């Protein structure tokens, strides 16, 4: 399958990353490059033009997901909030967003977990965790507060993967509790 007219190299790269995400969610890290290429609508050579190995593709996908989440949190920082904990509050709003909880957060967490089983991605995931630890610690809240708030938001956002569903009212109530903890 040759290059599709009208699609830029960046578009093709994005399509391959999206296909990799879809395929890995279904089959796990054992998903073949051939299947990922077919799902993306490109040849295996086209895939390898952008990602020379499965490890490189997995690292790029993990990096894309992790950077996307960082960007989402940054976009949720309230520009009027100048108090300590504003970044932690943005983190909570991102993780506890009802639309994301409906599936995106679960898919994100599951995919990052699957990718993190690969040695090529594990180091990237560890570096990302260190970045979050440093960024959250610099937000001005005591460690005991932000660590509990972030752990709770992470737990709620992943709970659907374990069969636990929360009503929108319950999510709103818990979000309020967590945000209040960052202000007291």
C-alpha atoms as a PDB file:
ATOM      1  CA  UNK A   1       0.000   0.000   0.000  1.00  0.00           C
ATOM      2  CA  UNK A   2       1.590   3.290  -1.082  1.00  0.00           C
ATOM      3  CA  UNK A   3       1.375   6.764   0.333  1.00  0.00           C
ATOM      4  CA  UNK A   4      -2.178   8.069   0.413  1.00  0.00           C
ATOM      5  CA  UNK A   5      -2.566  11.271  -1.586  1.00  0.00           C
ATOM      6  CA  UNK A   6      -3.362  14.328   0.482  1.00  0.00           C
ATOM      7  CA  UNK A   7      -1.954  12.922   3.699  1.00  0.00           C
ATOM      8  CA  UNK A   8       1.142  14.599   5.087  1.00  0.00           C
ATOM      9  CA  UNK A   9       3.938  12.726   6.823  1.00  0.00           C
ATOM     10  CA  UNK A  10       2.678  14.132  10.137  1.00  0.00           C
ATOM     11  CA  UNK A  11      -0.835  12.905   9.354  1.00  0.00           C
ATOM     12  CA  UNK A  12       0.522   9.450   8.540  1.00  0.00           C
ATOM     13  CA  UNK A  13       2.588   9.396  11.732  1.00  0.00           C
ATOM     14  CA  UNK A  14      -0.522  10.360  13.739  1.00  0.00           C
ATOM     15  CA  UNK A  15      -2.546   7.670  11.972  1.00  0.00           C
ATOM     16  CA  UNK A  16       0.083   5.033  12.815  1.00  0.00           C
ATOM     17  CA  UNK A  17       0.152   6.120  16.477  1.00  0.00           C
ATOM     18  CA  UNK A  18      -3.651   5.973  16.651  1.00  0.00           C
ATOM     19  CA  UNK A  19      -3.685   2.543  15.003  1.00  0.00           C
ATOM     20  CA  UNK A  20      -1.013   1.320  17.408  1.00  0.00           C
ATOM     21  CA  UNK A  21      -3.087   2.529  20.355  1.00  0.00           C
ATOM     22  CA  UNK A  22      -6.200   0.762  19.062  1.00  0.00           C
ATOM     23  CA  UNK A  23      -4.371  -2.461  18.253  1.00  0.00           C
ATOM     24  CA  UNK A  24      -2.416  -2.601  21.513  1.00  0.00           C
ATOM     25  CA  UNK A  25      -5.608  -2.007  23.537  1.00  0.00           C
ATOM     26  CA  UNK A  26      -7.119  -5.064  21.833  1.00  0.00           C
ATOM     27  CA  UNK A  27      -4.133  -7.405  21.652  1.00  0.00           C
ATOM     28  CA  UNK A  28      -1.577  -6.026  24.084  1.00  0.00           C
ATOM     29  CA  UNK A  29       2.084  -5.428  23.315  1.00  0.00           C
ATOM     30  CA  UNK A  30       2.234  -8.616  21.251  1.00  0.00           C
ATOM     31  CA  UNK A  31       0.393  -6.778  18.444  1.00  0.00           C
ATOM     32  CA  UNK A  32       2.461  -7.091  15.289  1.00  0.00           C
ATOM     33  CA  UNK A  33       3.795  -4.225  13.224  1.00  0.00           C
ATOM     34  CA  UNK A  34       2.053  -5.796  10.216  1.00  0.00           C
ATOM     35  CA  UNK A  35      -1.333  -5.565  11.921  1.00  0.00           C
ATOM     36  CA  UNK A  36      -0.667  -2.028  13.161  1.00  0.00           C
ATOM     37  CA  UNK A  37       0.314  -0.980   9.625  1.00  0.00           C
ATOM     38  CA  UNK A  38      -2.854  -2.550   8.162  1.00  0.00           C
ATOM     39  CA  UNK A  39      -4.988  -0.861  10.817  1.00  0.00           C
ATOM     40  CA  UNK A  40      -3.337   2.470   9.955  1.00  0.00           C
ATOM     41  CA  UNK A  41      -3.877   1.918   6.247  1.00  0.00           C
ATOM     42  CA  UNK A  42      -0.158   2.037   5.433  1.00  0.00           C
ATOM     43  CA  UNK A  43       2.387  -0.491   4.274  1.00  0.00           C
ATOM     44  CA  UNK A  44       4.783  -1.993   6.781  1.00  0.00           C
ATOM     45  CA  UNK A  45       7.503  -0.027   4.953  1.00  0.00           C
ATOM     46  CA  UNK A  46       5.458   3.135   5.488  1.00  0.00           C
ATOM     47  CA  UNK A  47       5.206   2.372   9.181  1.00  0.00           C
ATOM     48  CA  UNK A  48       8.936   1.672   9.373  1.00  0.00           C
ATOM     49  CA  UNK A  49       9.651   4.987   7.652  1.00  0.00           C
ATOM     50  CA  UNK A  50       8.242   6.691  10.749  1.00  0.00           C
ATOM     51  CA  UNK A  51       9.211   4.107  13.382  1.00  0.00           C
ATOM     52  CA  UNK A  52      12.196   1.897  12.643  1.00  0.00           C
ATOM     53  CA  UNK A  53      11.299  -0.676  15.303  1.00  0.00           C
ATOM     54  CA  UNK A  54       8.490  -1.811  17.543  1.00  0.00           C
ATOM     55  CA  UNK A  55      10.372  -0.366  20.533  1.00  0.00           C
ATOM     56  CA  UNK A  56      10.577   3.018  18.822  1.00  0.00           C
ATOM     57  CA  UNK A  57       6.859   2.917  17.998  1.00  0.00           C
ATOM     58  CA  UNK A  58       5.956   1.956  21.573  1.00  0.00           C
ATOM     59  CA  UNK A  59       8.175   4.721  23.013  1.00  0.00           C
ATOM     60  CA  UNK A  60       6.652   7.269  20.628  1.00  0.00           C
ATOM     61  CA  UNK A  61       3.119   6.179  21.518  1.00  0.00           C
ATOM     62  CA  UNK A  62       3.833   6.273  25.255  1.00  0.00           C
ATOM     63  CA  UNK A  63       5.495   9.658  24.924  1.00  0.00           C
ATOM     64  CA  UNK A  64       2.517  10.954  22.924  1.00  0.00           C
ATOM     65  CA  UNK A  65       0.083   9.768  25.599  1.00  0.00           C
ATOM     66  CA  UNK A  66       2.116  11.123  28.507  1.00  0.00           C
ATOM     67  CA  UNK A  67       2.717  14.496  26.856  1.00  0.00           C
ATOM     68  CA  UNK A  68      -0.950  14.704  25.920  1.00  0.00           C
ATOM     69  CA  UNK A  69      -1.941  14.215  29.548  1.00  0.00           C
ATOM     70  CA  UNK A  70       0.542  16.860  30.715  1.00  0.00           C
ATOM     71  CA  UNK A  71      -0.925  19.273  28.172  1.00  0.00           C
ATOM     72  CA  UNK A  72      -4.460  18.477  29.322  1.00  0.00           C
ATOM     73  CA  UNK A  73      -3.543  19.233  32.929  1.00  0.00           C
ATOM     74  CA  UNK A  74      -1.820  22.481  31.906  1.00  0.00           C
ATOM     75  CA  UNK A  75      -4.968  23.487  29.997  1.00  0.00           C
ATOM     76  CA  UNK A  76      -7.036  22.884  33.148  1.00  0.00           C
ATOM     77  CA  UNK A  77      -5.036  25.306  35.301  1.00  0.00           C
ATOM     78  CA  UNK A  78      -7.409  28.090  36.268  1.00  0.00           C
ATOM     79  CA  UNK A  79      -5.703  31.376  35.239  1.00  0.00           C
ATOM     80  CA  UNK A  80      -7.508  33.170  38.092  1.00  0.00           C
ATOM     81  CA  UNK A  81      -6.252  30.710  40.701  1.00  0.00           C
ATOM     82  CA  UNK A  82      -2.966  31.998  42.114  1.00  0.00           C
ATOM     83  CA  UNK A  83      -2.999  29.973  45.338  1.00  0.00           C
ATOM     84  CA  UNK A  84      -0.766  27.073  46.304  1.00  0.00           C
ATOM     85  CA  UNK A  85      -2.061  23.840  44.826  1.00  0.00           C
ATOM     86  CA  UNK A  86      -3.389  25.282  41.571  1.00  0.00           C
ATOM     87  CA  UNK A  87      -1.569  22.619  39.524  1.00  0.00           C
ATOM     88  CA  UNK A  88      -2.835  19.833  41.800  1.00  0.00           C
ATOM     89  CA  UNK A  89      -6.368  21.194  41.341  1.00  0.00           C
ATOM     90  CA  UNK A  90      -5.874  21.157  37.563  1.00  0.00           C
ATOM     91  CA  UNK A  91      -4.697  17.547  37.855  1.00  0.00           C
ATOM     92  CA  UNK A  92      -7.841  16.645  39.809  1.00  0.00           C
ATOM     93  CA  UNK A  93     -10.115  18.413  37.317  1.00  0.00           C
ATOM     94  CA  UNK A  94      -8.409  16.557  34.464  1.00  0.00           C
ATOM     95  CA  UNK A  95      -8.604  13.119  36.070  1.00  0.00           C
ATOM     96  CA  UNK A  96     -12.133  13.609  37.416  1.00  0.00           C
ATOM     97  CA  UNK A  97     -13.639  15.038  34.216  1.00  0.00           C
ATOM     98  CA  UNK A  98     -16.911  13.096  33.752  1.00  0.00           C
ATOM     99  CA  UNK A  99     -16.446  12.900  29.970  1.00  0.00           C
ATOM    100  CA  UNK A 100     -12.969  11.432  30.372  1.00  0.00           C
ATOM    101  CA  UNK A 101     -14.170   9.047  33.065  1.00  0.00           C
ATOM    102  CA  UNK A 102     -16.676   7.651  30.596  1.00  0.00           C
ATOM    103  CA  UNK A 103     -13.884   5.930  28.694  1.00  0.00           C
ATOM    104  CA  UNK A 104     -10.898   8.080  27.795  1.00  0.00           C
ATOM    105  CA  UNK A 105      -9.274   7.944  31.232  1.00  0.00           C
ATOM    106  CA  UNK A 106      -9.777   4.191  31.433  1.00  0.00           C
ATOM    107  CA  UNK A 107      -8.341   3.705  27.954  1.00  0.00           C
ATOM    108  CA  UNK A 108      -5.417   6.027  28.710  1.00  0.00           C
ATOM    109  CA  UNK A 109      -4.552   4.219  31.943  1.00  0.00           C
ATOM    110  CA  UNK A 110      -4.934   0.773  30.412  1.00  0.00           C
ATOM    111  CA  UNK A 111      -2.803   1.646  27.406  1.00  0.00           C
ATOM    112  CA  UNK A 112      -0.035   3.257  29.477  1.00  0.00           C
ATOM    113  CA  UNK A 113      -0.064   0.185  31.745  1.00  0.00           C
ATOM    114  CA  UNK A 114       0.199  -2.163  28.768  1.00  0.00           C
ATOM    115  CA  UNK A 115       3.003  -0.143  27.216  1.00  0.00           C
ATOM    116  CA  UNK A 116       4.868   0.084  30.525  1.00  0.00           C
ATOM    117  CA  UNK A 117       5.342  -3.684  30.497  1.00  0.00           C
ATOM    118  CA  UNK A 118       7.782  -3.132  27.638  1.00  0.00           C
ATOM    119  CA  UNK A 119      11.372  -2.364  28.686  1.00  0.00           C
ATOM    120  CA  UNK A 120      11.604   0.271  25.940  1.00  0.00           C
ATOM    121  CA  UNK A 121       8.792   2.224  27.597  1.00  0.00           C
ATOM    122  CA  UNK A 122       9.415   1.514  31.269  1.00  0.00           C
ATOM    123  CA  UNK A 123      12.244   4.033  31.548  1.00  0.00           C
ATOM    124  CA  UNK A 124      10.105   6.683  29.856  1.00  0.00           C
ATOM    125  CA  UNK A 125       7.245   5.959  32.291  1.00  0.00           C
ATOM    126  CA  UNK A 126       9.630   6.225  35.244  1.00  0.00           C
ATOM    127  CA  UNK A 127      10.964   9.549  33.991  1.00  0.00           C
ATOM    128  CA  UNK A 128       7.389  10.793  33.587  1.00  0.00           C
ATOM    129  CA  UNK A 129       6.546   9.725  37.153  1.00  0.00           C
ATOM    130  CA  UNK A 130       9.602  11.622  38.406  1.00  0.00           C
ATOM    131  CA  UNK A 131       8.510  14.698  36.437  1.00  0.00           C
ATOM    132  CA  UNK A 132       5.046  14.538  38.048  1.00  0.00           C
ATOM    133  CA  UNK A 133       6.529  14.039  41.521  1.00  0.00           C
ATOM    134  CA  UNK A 134       8.732  17.097  41.086  1.00  0.00           C
ATOM    135  CA  UNK A 135       5.984  19.241  39.541  1.00  0.00           C
ATOM    136  CA  UNK A 136       3.407  18.340  42.176  1.00  0.00           C
ATOM    137  CA  UNK A 137       5.910  18.880  45.004  1.00  0.00           C
ATOM    138  CA  UNK A 138       6.694  22.361  43.651  1.00  0.00           C
ATOM    139  CA  UNK A 139       3.012  23.370  43.706  1.00  0.00           C
ATOM    140  CA  UNK A 140       3.130  24.642  47.287  1.00  0.00           C
ATOM    141  CA  UNK A 141       1.026  22.040  49.100  1.00  0.00           C
ATOM    142  CA  UNK A 142       2.281  19.730  51.843  1.00  0.00           C
ATOM    143  CA  UNK A 143       3.289  16.325  50.467  1.00  0.00           C
ATOM    144  CA  UNK A 144       0.726  14.549  52.646  1.00  0.00           C
ATOM    145  CA  UNK A 145      -2.049  16.602  51.014  1.00  0.00           C
ATOM    146  CA  UNK A 146      -1.124  16.442  47.352  1.00  0.00           C
ATOM    147  CA  UNK A 147      -0.106  12.772  47.464  1.00  0.00           C
ATOM    148  CA  UNK A 148      -3.475  11.713  48.907  1.00  0.00           C
ATOM    149  CA  UNK A 149      -5.457  13.996  46.560  1.00  0.00           C
ATOM    150  CA  UNK A 150      -3.601  12.817  43.457  1.00  0.00           C
ATOM    151  CA  UNK A 151      -3.800   9.147  44.502  1.00  0.00           C
ATOM    152  CA  UNK A 152      -7.555   9.476  45.047  1.00  0.00           C
ATOM    153  CA  UNK A 153      -8.088  11.184  41.666  1.00  0.00           C
ATOM    154  CA  UNK A 154      -5.984   8.515  39.953  1.00  0.00           C
ATOM    155  CA  UNK A 155      -7.886   5.753  41.717  1.00  0.00           C
ATOM    156  CA  UNK A 156     -11.311   7.109  40.788  1.00  0.00           C
ATOM    157  CA  UNK A 157     -10.293   7.681  37.189  1.00  0.00           C
ATOM    158  CA  UNK A 158      -9.133   4.065  36.864  1.00  0.00           C
ATOM    159  CA  UNK A 159     -11.884   2.452  38.934  1.00  0.00           C
ATOM    160  CA  UNK A 160     -14.138   1.747  35.932  1.00  0.00           C
ATOM    161  CA  UNK A 161     -11.452  -0.614  34.639  1.00  0.00           C
ATOM    162  CA  UNK A 162     -12.086  -2.711  37.757  1.00  0.00           C
ATOM    163  CA  UNK A 163     -15.863  -2.681  37.358  1.00  0.00           C
ATOM    164  CA  UNK A 164     -16.646   0.189  39.710  1.00  0.00           C
ATOM    165  CA  UNK A 165     -18.910   2.832  38.220  1.00  0.00           C
ATOM    166  CA  UNK A 166     -19.540   6.196  39.866  1.00  0.00           C
ATOM    167  CA  UNK A 167     -22.540   8.373  39.122  1.00  0.00           C
ATOM    168  CA  UNK A 168     -21.934  11.903  37.822  1.00  0.00           C
ATOM    169  CA  UNK A 169     -23.242  13.257  41.146  1.00  0.00           C
ATOM    170  CA  UNK A 170     -20.793  11.073  43.066  1.00  0.00           C
ATOM    171  CA  UNK A 171     -17.908  12.176  40.843  1.00  0.00           C
ATOM    172  CA  UNK A 172     -18.858  15.811  41.354  1.00  0.00           C
ATOM    173  CA  UNK A 173     -19.065  15.328  45.128  1.00  0.00           C
ATOM    174  CA  UNK A 174     -15.696  13.544  45.332  1.00  0.00           C
ATOM    175  CA  UNK A 175     -14.101  16.147  43.067  1.00  0.00           C
ATOM    176  CA  UNK A 176     -15.354  18.848  45.435  1.00  0.00           C
ATOM    177  CA  UNK A 177     -13.893  17.002  48.430  1.00  0.00           C
ATOM    178  CA  UNK A 178     -10.518  16.658  46.737  1.00  0.00           C
ATOM    179  CA  UNK A 179     -10.430  20.291  45.647  1.00  0.00           C
ATOM    180  CA  UNK A 180     -11.401  21.371  49.183  1.00  0.00           C
ATOM    181  CA  UNK A 181      -8.496  19.351  50.599  1.00  0.00           C
ATOM    182  CA  UNK A 182      -6.107  21.408  48.465  1.00  0.00           C
ATOM    183  CA  UNK A 183      -7.436  24.647  49.945  1.00  0.00           C
ATOM    184  CA  UNK A 184      -7.478  23.868  53.663  1.00  0.00           C
END
